[in-house]
C-alpha atoms as a PDB file:
ATOM      1  CA  MET A   1     149.788  75.746  80.774  1.00  0.00           C
ATOM      2  CA  SER A   2     149.405  78.845  78.776  1.00  0.00           C
ATOM      3  CA  PHE A   3     146.376  81.551  79.324  1.00  0.00           C
ATOM      4  CA  PRO A   4     145.285  84.320  76.951  1.00  0.00           C
ATOM      5  CA  ILE A   5     146.446  87.741  78.593  1.00  0.00           C
ATOM      6  CA  ARG A   6     145.491  90.899  77.889  1.00  0.00           C
ATOM      7  CA  LYS A   7     144.409  94.319  79.451  1.00  0.00           C
ATOM      8  CA  ALA A   8     142.854  94.458  82.603  1.00  0.00           C
ATOM      9  CA  VAL A   9     139.539  96.764  82.901  1.00  0.00           C
ATOM     10  CA  ARG A  10     137.905  97.780  85.559  1.00  0.00           C
ATOM     11  CA  SER A  11     135.665  94.735  85.856  1.00  0.00           C
ATOM     12  CA  ASP A  12     138.650  92.613  87.089  1.00  0.00           C
ATOM     13  CA  LEU A  13     139.262  94.528  89.744  1.00  0.00           C
ATOM     14  CA  PRO A  14     137.247  92.252  91.942  1.00  0.00           C
ATOM     15  CA  ALA A  15     139.608  89.192  91.135  1.00  0.00           C
ATOM     16  CA  ILE A  16     143.126  91.186  91.209  1.00  0.00           C
ATOM     17  CA  VAL A  17     142.108  92.177  95.090  1.00  0.00           C
ATOM     18  CA  GLU A  18     140.810  88.672  95.629  1.00  0.00           C
ATOM     19  CA  ILE A  19     144.610  87.680  93.905  1.00  0.00           C
ATOM     20  CA  TYR A  20     146.471  90.187  96.260  1.00  0.00           C
ATOM     21  CA  ASN A  21     144.540  89.214  99.417  1.00  0.00           C
ATOM     22  CA  SER A  22     144.809  85.427  99.114  1.00  0.00           C
ATOM     23  CA  THR A  23     149.094  86.068  99.133  1.00  0.00           C
ATOM     24  CA  ILE A  24     148.984  88.640 101.938  1.00  0.00           C
ATOM     25  CA  GLU A  25     149.028  85.215 104.644  1.00  0.00           C
ATOM     26  CA  SER A  26     151.949  83.679 103.728  1.00  0.00           C
ATOM     27  CA  ARG A  27     153.818  86.768 104.467  1.00  0.00           C
ATOM     28  CA  ALA A  28     156.681  86.207 101.407  1.00  0.00           C
ATOM     29  CA  VAL A  29     154.678  88.693  99.050  1.00  0.00           C
ATOM     30  CA  THR A  30     153.312  91.413  99.913  1.00  0.00           C
ATOM     31  CA  ALA A  31     154.480  93.880 102.309  1.00  0.00           C
ATOM     32  CA  ASP A  32     150.636  94.257 103.100  1.00  0.00           C
ATOM     33  CA  LEU A  33     149.373  92.768 106.063  1.00  0.00           C
ATOM     34  CA  THR A  34     145.875  92.789 106.172  1.00  0.00           C
ATOM     35  CA  PRO A  35     143.366  92.207 103.355  1.00  0.00           C
ATOM     36  CA  VAL A  36     142.501  95.081 101.065  1.00  0.00           C
ATOM     37  CA  THR A  37     139.378  96.458  99.261  1.00  0.00           C
ATOM     38  CA  VAL A  38     138.577  96.874  95.948  1.00  0.00           C
ATOM     39  CA  ALA A  39     137.391 100.058  97.357  1.00  0.00           C
ATOM     40  CA  ASP A  40     141.447 100.765  99.010  1.00  0.00           C
ATOM     41  CA  ARG A  41     142.494  99.734  95.200  1.00  0.00           C
ATOM     42  CA  GLU A  42     140.845 102.161  92.577  1.00  0.00           C
ATOM     43  CA  ALA A  43     142.818 105.116  92.948  1.00  0.00           C
ATOM     44  CA  TRP A  44     146.131 101.964  91.978  1.00  0.00           C
ATOM     45  CA  PHE A  45     143.887 100.891  89.582  1.00  0.00           C
ATOM     46  CA  ASN A  46     142.953 103.974  88.007  1.00  0.00           C
ATOM     47  CA  ASN A  47     146.948 105.614  87.637  1.00  0.00           C
ATOM     48  CA  HIS A  48     148.251 102.931  85.710  1.00  0.00           C
ATOM     49  CA  THR A  49     147.660 103.954  81.491  1.00  0.00           C
ATOM     50  CA  ASP A  50     148.683 102.250  77.858  1.00  0.00           C
ATOM     51  CA  MET A  51     151.976 102.973  78.894  1.00  0.00           C
ATOM     52  CA  ARG A  52     152.179 101.257  82.225  1.00  0.00           C
ATOM     53  CA  PRO A  53     149.427  98.731  81.995  1.00  0.00           C
ATOM     54  CA  ILE A  54     147.842  95.817  83.836  1.00  0.00           C
ATOM     55  CA  TRP A  55     147.455  92.810  82.436  1.00  0.00           C
ATOM     56  CA  VAL A  56     145.361  89.702  83.584  1.00  0.00           C
ATOM     57  CA  MET A  57     146.132  85.903  82.291  1.00  0.00           C
ATOM     58  CA  THR A  58     142.517  84.581  82.144  1.00  0.00           C
ATOM     59  CA  ASP A  59     141.344  80.378  82.119  1.00  0.00           C
ATOM     60  CA  GLU A  60     138.109  80.496  80.471  1.00  0.00           C
ATOM     61  CA  ASP A  61     137.294  84.115  81.248  1.00  0.00           C
ATOM     62  CA  LYS A  62     138.707  84.058  85.233  1.00  0.00           C
ATOM     63  CA  VAL A  63     141.255  86.157  85.801  1.00  0.00           C
ATOM     64  CA  VAL A  64     144.139  84.228  88.074  1.00  0.00           C
ATOM     65  CA  ALA A  65     146.532  86.110  87.746  1.00  0.00           C
ATOM     66  CA  TRP A  66     148.037  89.597  87.043  1.00  0.00           C
ATOM     67  CA  LEU A  67     150.487  91.467  86.545  1.00  0.00           C
ATOM     68  CA  SER A  68     151.357  95.372  86.716  1.00  0.00           C
ATOM     69  CA  PHE A  69     154.481  97.883  85.841  1.00  0.00           C
ATOM     70  CA  GLU A  70     155.208 100.645  88.080  1.00  0.00           C
ATOM     71  CA  SER A  71     156.532 103.883  87.547  1.00  0.00           C
ATOM     72  CA  PHE A  72     159.921 104.092  89.587  1.00  0.00           C
ATOM     73  CA  HIS A  73     159.614 106.841  91.527  1.00  0.00           C
ATOM     74  CA  GLY A  74     157.698 110.009  90.104  1.00  0.00           C
ATOM     75  CA  ARG A  75     160.578 111.692  89.188  1.00  0.00           C
ATOM     76  CA  ALA A  76     160.520 112.522  85.445  1.00  0.00           C
ATOM     77  CA  ALA A  77     164.490 111.042  85.236  1.00  0.00           C
ATOM     78  CA  TYR A  78     163.225 107.780  86.331  1.00  0.00           C
ATOM     79  CA  GLN A  79     160.678 108.164  83.207  1.00  0.00           C
ATOM     80  CA  TYR A  80     162.419 105.061  81.836  1.00  0.00           C
ATOM     81  CA  THR A  81     163.083 102.541  84.631  1.00  0.00           C
ATOM     82  CA  ALA A  82     159.251  99.996  85.580  1.00  0.00           C
ATOM     83  CA  GLU A  83     158.778  97.895  88.590  1.00  0.00           C
ATOM     84  CA  VAL A  84     157.108  94.780  87.190  1.00  0.00           C
ATOM     85  CA  SER A  85     154.733  92.754  90.027  1.00  0.00           C
ATOM     86  CA  ILE A  86     153.139  89.680  89.252  1.00  0.00           C
ATOM     87  CA  TYR A  87     149.992  87.687  91.636  1.00  0.00           C
ATOM     88  CA  ILE A  88     148.926  83.943  90.365  1.00  0.00           C
ATOM     89  CA  ASP A  89     145.885  82.745  91.859  1.00  0.00           C
ATOM     90  CA  GLN A  90     146.805  79.567  94.836  1.00  0.00           C
ATOM     91  CA  ASN A  91     145.252  77.018  92.314  1.00  0.00           C
ATOM     92  CA  VAL A  92     147.518  77.911  89.846  1.00  0.00           C
ATOM     93  CA  ARG A  93     150.984  78.851  91.114  1.00  0.00           C
ATOM     94  CA  GLY A  94     153.833  76.605  90.157  1.00  0.00           C
ATOM     95  CA  LYS A  95     152.210  76.143  86.376  1.00  0.00           C
ATOM     96  CA  GLY A  96     154.769  78.469  84.639  1.00  0.00           C
ATOM     97  CA  ILE A  97     152.178  81.906  84.646  1.00  0.00           C
ATOM     98  CA  GLY A  98     155.051  83.824  85.920  1.00  0.00           C
ATOM     99  CA  THR A  99     157.922  82.864  83.564  1.00  0.00           C
ATOM    100  CA  THR A 100     154.883  82.979  80.782  1.00  0.00           C
ATOM    101  CA  PHE A 101     154.097  86.745  82.253  1.00  0.00           C
ATOM    102  CA  LEU A 102     157.257  88.191  82.939  1.00  0.00           C
ATOM    103  CA  GLN A 103     158.902  86.658  79.575  1.00  0.00           C
ATOM    104  CA  ALA A 104     155.787  88.884  77.764  1.00  0.00           C
ATOM    105  CA  ALA A 105     156.777  91.646  79.846  1.00  0.00           C
ATOM    106  CA  LEU A 106     159.953  91.923  78.650  1.00  0.00           C
ATOM    107  CA  ASP A 107     159.006  91.750  75.347  1.00  0.00           C
ATOM    108  CA  ALA A 108     156.812  94.539  76.110  1.00  0.00           C
ATOM    109  CA  CYS A 109     159.588  96.835  77.394  1.00  0.00           C
ATOM    110  CA  PRO A 110     160.099  98.371  73.945  1.00  0.00           C
ATOM    111  CA  GLN A 111     156.871  99.658  73.540  1.00  0.00           C
ATOM    112  CA  LEU A 112     156.347 100.894  76.842  1.00  0.00           C
ATOM    113  CA  GLY A 113     159.353 102.651  76.549  1.00  0.00           C
ATOM    114  CA  ILE A 114     160.873 100.693  79.330  1.00  0.00           C
ATOM    115  CA  LYS A 115     165.024 100.882  79.862  1.00  0.00           C
ATOM    116  CA  THR A 116     165.067  99.161  82.513  1.00  0.00           C
ATOM    117  CA  LEU A 117     163.330  96.943  84.979  1.00  0.00           C
ATOM    118  CA  LEU A 118     162.620  96.396  88.552  1.00  0.00           C
ATOM    119  CA  GLY A 119     161.346  93.700  90.572  1.00  0.00           C
ATOM    120  CA  LEU A 120     160.924  94.538  94.446  1.00  0.00           C
ATOM    121  CA  VAL A 121     160.735  90.937  96.173  1.00  0.00           C
ATOM    122  CA  PHE A 122     161.583  89.871  99.677  1.00  0.00           C
ATOM    123  CA  GLY A 123     164.960  88.449 100.325  1.00  0.00           C
ATOM    124  CA  HIS A 124     163.352  84.940 101.808  1.00  0.00           C
ATOM    125  CA  ASN A 125     160.501  84.397  98.366  1.00  0.00           C
ATOM    126  CA  GLU A 126     163.185  82.088  96.839  1.00  0.00           C
ATOM    127  CA  ALA A 127     160.276  81.198  93.913  1.00  0.00           C
ATOM    128  CA  SER A 128     160.344  85.314  93.154  1.00  0.00           C
ATOM    129  CA  LEU A 129     164.604  85.165  93.535  1.00  0.00           C
ATOM    130  CA  ARG A 130     164.890  82.028  91.124  1.00  0.00           C
ATOM    131  CA  LEU A 131     162.274  83.600  88.723  1.00  0.00           C
ATOM    132  CA  PHE A 132     164.463  86.556  88.297  1.00  0.00           C
ATOM    133  CA  LYS A 133     167.601  85.095  87.852  1.00  0.00           C
ATOM    134  CA  ARG A 134     166.436  82.713  85.255  1.00  0.00           C
ATOM    135  CA  PHE A 135     165.789  85.914  82.714  1.00  0.00           C
ATOM    136  CA  GLY A 136     169.060  87.660  83.637  1.00  0.00           C
ATOM    137  CA  PHE A 137     167.452  89.895  86.301  1.00  0.00           C
ATOM    138  CA  GLU A 138     170.781  90.347  88.314  1.00  0.00           C
ATOM    139  CA  GLN A 139     170.504  91.896  91.955  1.00  0.00           C
ATOM    140  CA  TRP A 140     171.036  95.076  92.863  1.00  0.00           C
ATOM    141  CA  ALA A 141     170.631  95.735  96.090  1.00  0.00           C
ATOM    142  CA  ASN A 142     169.708  94.636  99.085  1.00  0.00           C
ATOM    143  CA  MET A 143     167.635  96.228 101.880  1.00  0.00           C
ATOM    144  CA  PRO A 144     167.992  94.087 105.640  1.00  0.00           C
ATOM    145  CA  ARG A 145     165.465  94.121 107.639  1.00  0.00           C
ATOM    146  CA  VAL A 146     163.295  97.237 106.191  1.00  0.00           C
ATOM    147  CA  ALA A 147     160.148  95.298 107.079  1.00  0.00           C
ATOM    148  CA  GLU A 148     158.663  92.982 109.340  1.00  0.00           C
ATOM    149  CA  LEU A 149     156.035  90.556 109.237  1.00  0.00           C
ATOM    150  CA  ASP A 150     154.767  88.764 112.450  1.00  0.00           C
ATOM    151  CA  GLY A 151     157.810  90.622 114.605  1.00  0.00           C
ATOM    152  CA  VAL A 152     160.338  89.341 111.798  1.00  0.00           C
ATOM    153  CA  GLU A 153     162.471  91.339 110.452  1.00  0.00           C
ATOM    154  CA  ARG A 154     162.511  90.477 106.284  1.00  0.00           C
ATOM    155  CA  ASP A 155     165.072  91.840 104.001  1.00  0.00           C
ATOM    156  CA  LEU A 156     163.753  93.340 100.954  1.00  0.00           C
ATOM    157  CA  VAL A 157     165.755  92.272  97.046  1.00  0.00           C
ATOM    158  CA  ILE A 158     165.408  94.847  94.684  1.00  0.00           C
ATOM    159  CA  VAL A 159     166.609  92.629  91.705  1.00  0.00           C
ATOM    160  CA  GLY A 160     166.573  94.274  88.243  1.00  0.00           C
ATOM    161  CA  LYS A 161     167.825  94.425  84.034  1.00  0.00           C
ATOM    162  CA  ARG A 162     168.475  97.126  81.638  1.00  0.00           C
ATOM    163  CA  VAL A 163     165.887  95.730  78.630  1.00  0.00           C
ATOM    164  CA  VAL A 164     167.173  98.086  76.092  1.00  0.00           C
ATOM    165  CA  GLN A 165     170.965  99.127  75.227  1.00  0.00           C
END
């Protein structure tokens, strides 16, 4: 299944927030414990640039997934490193969208000035860890029990890949 990918625009933000909020209950994707609002995400959305964009994947003009590039750490020496995040509408999960999005992200890294791409994934999110591994990402760090979700302590795994040698 393949859907077009484009840069997100402000009118996509409600759909981006809806997809994000749909992942909270699983306790496998995000460290937020309660839903966020569009207003909560305004500054986050506005902080993205052409070099650290948010992309959406659409099906007949409906946003079904989104991807964001985030600068890693705010200091200048990390300017060539970015974190990638992918969120997929629950109705289209398991259909190859994550694969398509991650490949597109890797392909775009040279144009975005990204030499190293990171993913921050809960250790119990096996599907996401498998996705990154298929693309050659390696585990660069395991931060044991740094998150607590409903009384359960969870690990955060940092996966990374050098995309420009």
